[in-house]
Amino acid sequence: MADICMGMLVNTRKPGALAMARFLMEWGKTSGVSFILPPHEASVLGIQGIDDDEWRRTVSVAIVIGGDGTFLRAARYVMGAPVSLYGINLGHLGFLASGKAEEAEKDMEAIVAGDYTLQPHSVLEGEIYRDGKSIHTLFALNDLVLAKGAMARVMHIEVDICGKILNTIPADGIIVSTPTGSTAYALSAGGPIVPPHIPCMVIIPICAHTLYSRPVLAGENDVITLTPKGYHRDLLLTQDGQLGYEILPGDSIRISLNSDMAVNVVNLPSRNYLDLLQEKLQWGKGIVTYERE
């Protein structure tokens, strides 16, 4: 059997993730699988790694060990490179890192055998405009969130879709989510659950100060523009809840889907999206059943 190379990305702050990484590397030695690590993970685990650019050129499938936060960081790391991701969950909810630690060996065998499919997950591209010029471009797998800071003052956000004003929403903020992010912050803010194969964006107000404000879907080719009105100086645009950018009065944010940056996620035949929803959201639990008399 020829030696198979796979990438590995690890949350090095979690002892359980490091233990899983070591377990898989030992499993790989007897299964003809070599795991390639980028510099940081290699240094922590005490093995030889390769530099980031070479890693992205060499790896086609990478195992992500951690939780959903680790998976989001891994997605940003591989965006634009032909690297597919499979997550083993050692965090909490595990919508993105859906693999179970106790099934890791069986999952690896399926991936090595090629018994999997790839599901492209859409990526948001956000451009921050200041004085009519683009000053920053950022990408998000889950969501881009425009929100106010610590001051308890309502903000007013003008929402424009393809040059047409949708609404000016008084709220604590607004979420623009991908289908992937519909089960993250967007879900807790009252947004719908959207399977990843449906190409769209979801606009969800956060604590809207009006009764008529509802989540809205935008199409895969639409461009959403968010413009905060007034003179708030305590505004932040966050990227997947992990990176933040200051938004000044007069700025605007244009958001669209970038198909070239889509992240391919490994799906195993033993676990589909509906199974994942039932497991993570506890659907069907505690429902009274009636026996036929």
Protein backbone atom coordinates (compact mmCIF):
# COMPACT_ATOMS: atom_id res chain seq x y z
CA MET A 1 0.00 0.00 0.00
CA ALA A 2 1.39 3.39 -0.99
CA ASP A 3 1.90 5.93 1.75
CA ILE A 4 -0.99 8.43 1.94
CA CYS A 5 -0.41 12.01 3.08
CA MET A 6 -3.05 13.99 4.95
CA GLY A 7 -2.92 17.37 6.64
CA MET A 8 -3.64 17.97 10.29
CA LEU A 9 -4.71 21.19 12.04
CA VAL A 10 -5.02 21.13 15.83
CA ASN A 11 -6.26 23.35 18.65
CA THR A 12 -2.97 23.26 20.54
CA ARG A 13 -4.56 24.82 23.64
CA LYS A 14 -6.73 21.76 24.24
CA PRO A 15 -4.91 18.82 25.88
CA GLY A 16 -7.57 16.47 24.50
CA ALA A 17 -6.93 17.72 20.95
CA LEU A 18 -3.19 17.18 21.33
CA ALA A 19 -3.83 13.67 22.69
CA MET A 20 -6.06 12.92 19.69
CA ALA A 21 -3.41 14.24 17.30
CA ARG A 22 -0.79 11.94 18.84
CA PHE A 23 -3.21 8.99 18.71
CA LEU A 24 -3.90 9.55 14.99
CA MET A 25 -0.22 9.93 14.18
CA GLU A 26 0.48 6.59 15.89
CA TRP A 27 -2.47 5.05 14.04
CA GLY A 28 -1.06 6.44 10.80
CA LYS A 29 2.28 4.68 11.30
CA THR A 30 0.56 1.28 11.16
CA SER A 31 -1.98 2.26 8.50
CA GLY A 32 0.30 3.78 5.87
CA VAL A 33 -0.89 7.33 6.50
CA SER A 34 1.47 10.26 7.06
CA PHE A 35 0.10 13.44 8.62
CA ILE A 36 1.64 16.73 7.51
CA LEU A 37 1.53 19.59 10.01
CA PRO A 38 2.12 23.33 9.55
CA PRO A 39 4.80 25.05 11.67
CA HIS A 40 2.81 25.87 14.82
CA GLU A 41 1.23 22.46 15.36
CA ALA A 42 4.49 20.70 14.44
CA SER A 43 6.41 22.76 17.01
CA VAL A 44 3.93 22.01 19.82
CA LEU A 45 3.84 18.30 19.02
CA GLY A 46 7.60 18.11 18.62
CA ILE A 47 7.75 16.84 15.06
CA GLN A 48 9.01 18.16 11.73
CA GLY A 49 6.53 20.40 9.90
CA ILE A 50 6.51 22.35 6.65
CA ASP A 51 5.88 26.04 6.00
CA ASP A 52 2.33 27.33 5.51
CA ASP A 53 2.47 27.87 1.74
CA GLU A 54 4.01 24.47 1.09
CA TRP A 55 1.43 22.84 3.39
CA ARG A 56 -1.44 24.39 1.38
CA ARG A 57 0.15 23.23 -1.90
CA THR A 58 0.80 19.69 -0.66
CA VAL A 59 -2.34 18.76 1.29
CA SER A 60 -5.64 17.78 -0.34
CA VAL A 61 -7.55 16.63 2.79
CA ALA A 62 -6.90 17.89 6.30
CA ILE A 63 -8.18 16.65 9.65
CA VAL A 64 -9.19 19.47 12.00
CA ILE A 65 -9.00 18.50 15.68
CA GLY A 66 -10.81 20.79 18.12
CA GLY A 67 -14.22 22.42 18.06
CA ASP A 68 -16.15 24.69 15.73
CA GLY A 69 -13.86 27.63 16.56
CA THR A 70 -10.86 25.58 15.47
CA PHE A 71 -12.71 24.63 12.29
CA LEU A 72 -13.43 28.30 11.50
CA ARG A 73 -9.76 29.18 11.93
CA ALA A 74 -8.82 26.21 9.75
CA ALA A 75 -11.27 27.38 7.08
CA ARG A 76 -9.62 30.81 6.95
CA TYR A 77 -6.22 29.12 6.77
CA VAL A 78 -7.14 27.05 3.69
CA MET A 79 -9.40 29.55 1.85
CA GLY A 80 -8.36 29.79 -1.77
CA ALA A 81 -6.42 26.51 -1.61
CA PRO A 82 -7.77 23.11 -2.80
CA VAL A 83 -7.78 21.63 0.71
CA SER A 84 -10.88 19.81 2.00
CA LEU A 85 -11.57 19.69 5.74
CA TYR A 86 -12.91 17.08 8.13
CA GLY A 87 -13.43 18.05 11.76
CA ILE A 88 -13.17 15.86 14.85
CA ASN A 89 -15.09 17.54 17.65
CA LEU A 90 -13.39 18.02 21.01
CA GLY A 91 -15.35 21.18 21.78
CA HIS A 92 -19.01 21.72 22.64
CA LEU A 93 -21.72 21.84 19.95
CA GLY A 94 -19.79 20.58 16.91
CA PHE A 95 -21.83 21.59 13.87
CA LEU A 96 -18.73 22.12 11.71
CA ALA A 97 -16.40 19.72 13.48
CA SER A 98 -19.01 16.96 13.37
CA GLY A 99 -16.81 13.88 13.79
CA LYS A 100 -16.89 12.09 17.13
CA ALA A 101 -13.65 11.40 19.00
CA GLU A 102 -14.64 7.80 19.73
CA GLU A 103 -15.19 7.18 16.00
CA ALA A 104 -12.01 8.89 14.80
CA GLU A 105 -10.23 5.70 13.73
CA LYS A 106 -13.24 4.43 11.77
CA ASP A 107 -13.68 7.85 10.13
CA MET A 108 -10.02 7.94 9.11
CA GLU A 109 -10.35 4.52 7.50
CA ALA A 110 -13.35 5.74 5.47
CA ILE A 111 -11.51 8.85 4.31
CA VAL A 112 -8.38 6.90 3.37
CA ALA A 113 -10.61 4.49 1.38
CA GLY A 114 -12.17 7.45 -0.44
CA ASP A 115 -15.61 6.66 1.00
CA TYR A 116 -16.79 10.25 1.35
CA THR A 117 -18.29 13.17 -0.55
CA LEU A 118 -17.43 16.85 -0.53
CA GLN A 119 -19.94 19.59 0.29
CA PRO A 120 -18.89 23.11 -0.76
CA HIS A 121 -19.72 25.68 1.92
CA SER A 122 -20.25 29.23 0.69
CA VAL A 123 -18.00 32.02 1.97
CA LEU A 124 -18.96 35.65 2.56
CA GLU A 125 -16.77 38.39 1.13
CA GLY A 126 -17.06 41.70 2.95
CA GLU A 127 -15.55 45.00 1.81
CA ILE A 128 -15.32 47.98 4.13
CA TYR A 129 -15.65 51.30 2.30
CA ARG A 130 -14.47 54.61 3.74
CA ASP A 131 -14.79 57.89 1.83
CA GLY A 132 -15.85 55.90 -1.23
CA LYS A 133 -12.74 53.68 -1.24
CA SER A 134 -12.35 50.03 -0.30
CA ILE A 135 -10.02 49.89 2.71
CA HIS A 136 -10.31 46.26 3.74
CA THR A 137 -11.58 42.92 2.40
CA LEU A 138 -12.40 40.01 4.65
CA PHE A 139 -13.88 36.54 4.28
CA ALA A 140 -16.13 34.56 6.63
CA LEU A 141 -17.44 31.00 6.60
CA ASN A 142 -20.15 31.64 9.21
CA ASP A 143 -21.07 35.30 9.38
CA LEU A 144 -20.21 38.97 9.35
CA VAL A 145 -21.77 40.88 12.25
CA LEU A 146 -22.10 44.64 12.59
CA ALA A 147 -22.79 45.53 16.21
CA LYS A 148 -22.49 48.31 18.72
CA GLY A 149 -20.08 48.30 21.62
CA ALA A 150 -20.70 48.52 25.35
CA MET A 151 -22.93 51.62 25.27
CA ALA A 152 -26.62 50.68 25.53
CA ARG A 153 -27.75 52.82 22.60
CA VAL A 154 -29.73 51.61 19.63
CA MET A 155 -28.08 51.91 16.23
CA HIS A 156 -29.83 52.46 12.89
CA ILE A 157 -28.58 50.34 10.00
CA GLU A 158 -29.58 50.99 6.41
CA VAL A 159 -29.81 47.68 4.53
CA ASP A 160 -29.49 47.83 0.75
CA ILE A 161 -29.77 44.86 -1.63
CA CYS A 162 -28.41 45.37 -5.15
CA GLY A 163 -28.87 49.14 -5.01
CA LYS A 164 -32.41 49.04 -3.57
CA ILE A 165 -33.01 50.05 0.04
CA LEU A 166 -34.65 47.21 1.95
CA ASN A 167 -35.04 48.93 5.31
CA THR A 168 -33.41 51.09 7.94
CA ILE A 169 -33.43 48.91 11.02
CA PRO A 170 -33.18 50.18 14.62
CA ALA A 171 -31.37 47.36 16.42
CA ASP A 172 -28.40 46.37 18.54
CA GLY A 173 -26.75 45.09 15.37
CA ILE A 174 -27.21 42.94 12.30
CA ILE A 175 -25.94 39.54 11.18
CA VAL A 176 -25.30 38.53 7.59
CA SER A 177 -24.88 34.78 7.59
CA THR A 178 -24.09 31.97 5.18
CA PRO A 179 -26.14 28.76 5.34
CA THR A 180 -23.23 27.31 7.35
CA GLY A 181 -23.58 30.11 9.90
CA SER A 182 -27.36 29.72 10.15
CA THR A 183 -26.86 27.29 13.06
CA ALA A 184 -24.47 29.66 14.87
CA TYR A 185 -25.11 33.22 16.14
CA ALA A 186 -27.86 33.67 13.53
CA LEU A 187 -29.90 30.85 15.05
CA SER A 188 -29.82 32.39 18.54
CA ALA A 189 -30.97 35.71 17.02
CA GLY A 190 -34.07 34.07 15.55
CA GLY A 191 -32.86 33.24 12.06
CA PRO A 192 -33.87 30.17 10.02
CA ILE A 193 -31.87 26.99 9.65
CA VAL A 194 -30.55 26.77 6.08
CA PRO A 195 -28.81 23.60 4.78
CA PRO A 196 -25.36 24.27 3.30
CA HIS A 197 -26.35 23.22 -0.24
CA ILE A 198 -28.79 26.15 -0.57
CA PRO A 199 -26.90 29.15 -2.05
CA CYS A 200 -28.09 32.25 -0.23
CA MET A 201 -27.33 34.79 2.50
CA VAL A 202 -29.45 35.45 5.58
CA ILE A 203 -29.94 38.94 7.05
CA ILE A 204 -30.93 38.83 10.74
CA PRO A 205 -31.39 41.87 13.01
CA ILE A 206 -30.07 41.57 16.57
CA CYS A 207 -32.67 42.67 19.16
CA ALA A 208 -34.55 44.85 16.67
CA HIS A 209 -36.33 47.79 18.30
CA THR A 210 -39.43 47.24 16.19
CA LEU A 211 -42.04 44.51 15.83
CA TYR A 212 -41.99 44.34 12.03
CA SER A 213 -38.33 43.43 11.53
CA ARG A 214 -37.82 39.84 10.37
CA PRO A 215 -34.97 37.73 8.91
CA VAL A 216 -34.64 38.07 5.13
CA LEU A 217 -32.94 35.80 2.58
CA ALA A 218 -30.80 37.28 -0.19
CA GLY A 219 -29.79 35.43 -3.36
CA GLU A 220 -26.41 33.97 -4.23
CA ASN A 221 -25.66 36.79 -6.72
CA ASP A 222 -27.00 39.64 -4.58
CA VAL A 223 -24.86 42.32 -2.97
CA ILE A 224 -25.88 43.49 0.51
CA THR A 225 -24.72 46.91 1.70
CA LEU A 226 -24.89 47.83 5.39
CA THR A 227 -24.57 51.50 6.28
CA PRO A 228 -24.80 52.58 9.92
CA LYS A 229 -26.56 55.93 10.20
CA GLY A 230 -25.71 58.65 12.70
CA TYR A 231 -22.46 59.29 14.48
CA HIS A 232 -21.80 56.14 16.50
CA ARG A 233 -18.06 55.66 17.08
CA ASP A 234 -18.32 52.42 19.00
CA LEU A 235 -19.15 50.03 16.15
CA LEU A 236 -17.43 46.79 15.28
CA LEU A 237 -17.61 44.42 12.31
CA THR A 238 -16.73 40.90 13.42
CA GLN A 239 -15.62 38.05 11.17
CA ASP A 240 -16.84 34.62 12.29
CA GLY A 241 -16.89 35.96 15.85
CA GLN A 242 -13.08 35.81 15.97
CA LEU A 243 -11.66 38.96 14.36
CA GLY A 244 -12.98 42.51 14.66
CA TYR A 245 -12.66 45.74 12.64
CA GLU A 246 -13.59 49.24 13.76
CA ILE A 247 -16.37 50.89 11.74
CA LEU A 248 -16.45 54.71 11.68
CA PRO A 249 -19.35 57.09 10.90
CA GLY A 250 -19.85 57.22 7.13
CA ASP A 251 -18.40 53.75 6.49
CA SER A 252 -20.35 51.09 4.63
CA ILE A 253 -19.91 47.34 4.26
CA ARG A 254 -20.66 45.49 1.01
CA ILE A 255 -21.25 41.76 1.42
CA SER A 256 -21.61 39.04 -1.20
CA LEU A 257 -20.90 35.34 -1.69
CA ASN A 258 -17.50 34.48 -3.14
CA SER A 259 -17.76 31.11 -4.88
CA ASP A 260 -14.00 30.99 -5.56
CA MET A 261 -13.30 30.89 -1.81
CA ALA A 262 -15.80 28.14 -0.93
CA VAL A 263 -14.61 25.67 1.71
CA ASN A 264 -15.05 21.97 0.89
CA VAL A 265 -16.15 19.91 3.87
CA VAL A 266 -15.80 16.12 3.95
CA ASN A 267 -19.13 14.31 4.47
CA LEU A 268 -19.14 10.65 5.49
CA PRO A 269 -21.99 8.35 4.41
CA SER A 270 -22.67 7.39 8.03
CA ARG A 271 -23.58 10.96 9.01
CA ASN A 272 -25.82 13.36 7.06
CA TYR A 273 -27.03 16.91 7.72
CA LEU A 274 -30.45 15.91 9.05
CA ASP A 275 -28.84 13.43 11.46
CA LEU A 276 -26.59 16.25 12.63
CA LEU A 277 -29.53 18.58 13.28
CA GLN A 278 -31.39 15.92 15.25
CA GLU A 279 -28.33 15.12 17.34
CA LYS A 280 -27.12 18.66 18.07
CA LEU A 281 -30.53 20.30 18.56
CA GLN A 282 -31.99 17.31 20.38
CA TRP A 283 -34.94 17.17 18.01
CA GLY A 284 -37.30 14.29 18.68
CA LYS A 285 -36.10 13.88 22.28
CA GLY A 286 -38.68 13.68 25.01
CA ILE A 287 -41.65 13.49 22.64
CA VAL A 288 -44.52 11.41 23.96
CA THR A 289 -45.26 8.38 21.80
CA TYR A 290 -48.50 6.47 21.79
CA GLU A 291 -48.83 2.75 21.25
CA ARG A 292 -51.59 1.52 19.00
CA GLU A 293 -54.39 0.05 21.09
